[in-house]
Amino acid sequence: MAALLRRARPGTMARGGAGSPAAILIMLAAALVFPLLEGANVAVMGIATEGLTYGLVTLALNLLMGYGGQVSIGHGGLLAVGAYTTAILATRFALPFIVVLALAGAVTGVAGLLLGLPAGRLRSHYLAVATLGFGVAVPQIALNLGSLTGGFTGLIVPAEQLGSITLGNPVPLYYLALCILVASVLAVRSILSSPTGRRFMAVRDSEDTAPAMGINVGRTKVILFTTSAFFCGLAGYVFALNNAIVEPGSFSFSLSLFFFAAVIVGGMGSVGGSLLGAVLLVIVQHQAVSLGGYSEAILGVAVAVVLLAVPGGLAAVPRRLRGLVAGARLRHPATAGAASLREEPPGPPSPTGAPREG
């Protein structure tokens, strides 16, 4: 596991990649105009909203892994907590949507806090196993709390209302998911530029030397898990509305593997890469289902191909392309001739009349 993360990390922090402000603005512009092209197609809009939802979970996981250096393969369980919180509140209480959204994030954040307390003492594959246990346990708990969660059949989520707008309709729900995602991206970037974010990255770089800089490693890990879980809770709110039903079968272990794969494919330590990786894998997954399955196998192949071809993920592709272009220019004869003219001229003649070696 540690070797996989080391191979996936190089180049993810490069400037001008998929995490640059310009690239994120381009993706935002494309997302804004997308409903103008496909708004009438209910199925496509549902997949697009799923892509935004999974992009937010991938962003939350990348905050934990790419910027905090903590491994998690249980974020499907955190998404389930947010989705079930939304379903329970929506079916039992008449609360404004913003209150339900905030409570979904807060309850999931508390779950992340409880997970982070013991996980803060673990590293590497031990931490991965602990988060794996959490991800597997949450659907089982929901399955056995039938009086609260609906058990095997789950809970039907009523459509939320925002004034005269029904958020259950595909286009309004898509734009709501986009607004939540944009606000979360801005919040994550703000966190990363703050002292808290610098503590996250110091722990990522070396848990052994971080205490020498006055950093409480255990407390930093707990804050990191809680923050990541909060954003998963926001994604769980959109997940519940988009699926209209929340049931244990929606949160299998393969969902957590999907988020892990999206981080690797998109690029660890890249905000834009998180979104790009999640959207790409959502499209691949749905295409695999339409072709008769094998979605998990295709996800595994995608991760292997990216690790072999572009170890830094999709976020490192622009940097690698610029390197290839620069190398091609140096190898081009005309460019090489121009470069030789720019070399330092030979020194003044020696007393014997021969040119002095440069």
Foldseek 3Di string as FASTA:
>chain_A
DVVLLVLQAPQQPDPPFLQHPVNVVVVLVCLVCVCVPCVVPQVVLLLLLVLLLLLLLLLLQLLCCQQQVADALQLLLLLLQLQLQLLLCQVPHDDALVVSLQVLLQRLLVVLLVLLLVLLVDGDVVSHVSNLVSNAVNLVVLLPVCVRQVHAQGGQGDFHDDDPDTCLRSPNLSVVSSVLSVVSLVVSVVCCPDPLSVLSNVCNVPVVCSVVVVRDSSVSSSVSSSSSSSSSSSSSNSVCSSVSGRGSVVRDSVSSVQSVLLCSQLFRPGSSSSSVSSSVLSVQQVVCVVVPDPSSVVSVVSSVVCSVPPSRHSRSVVVVVVVVVVVVLCPDPVSVVVVVVVDDDFDPADPVRHTHGD
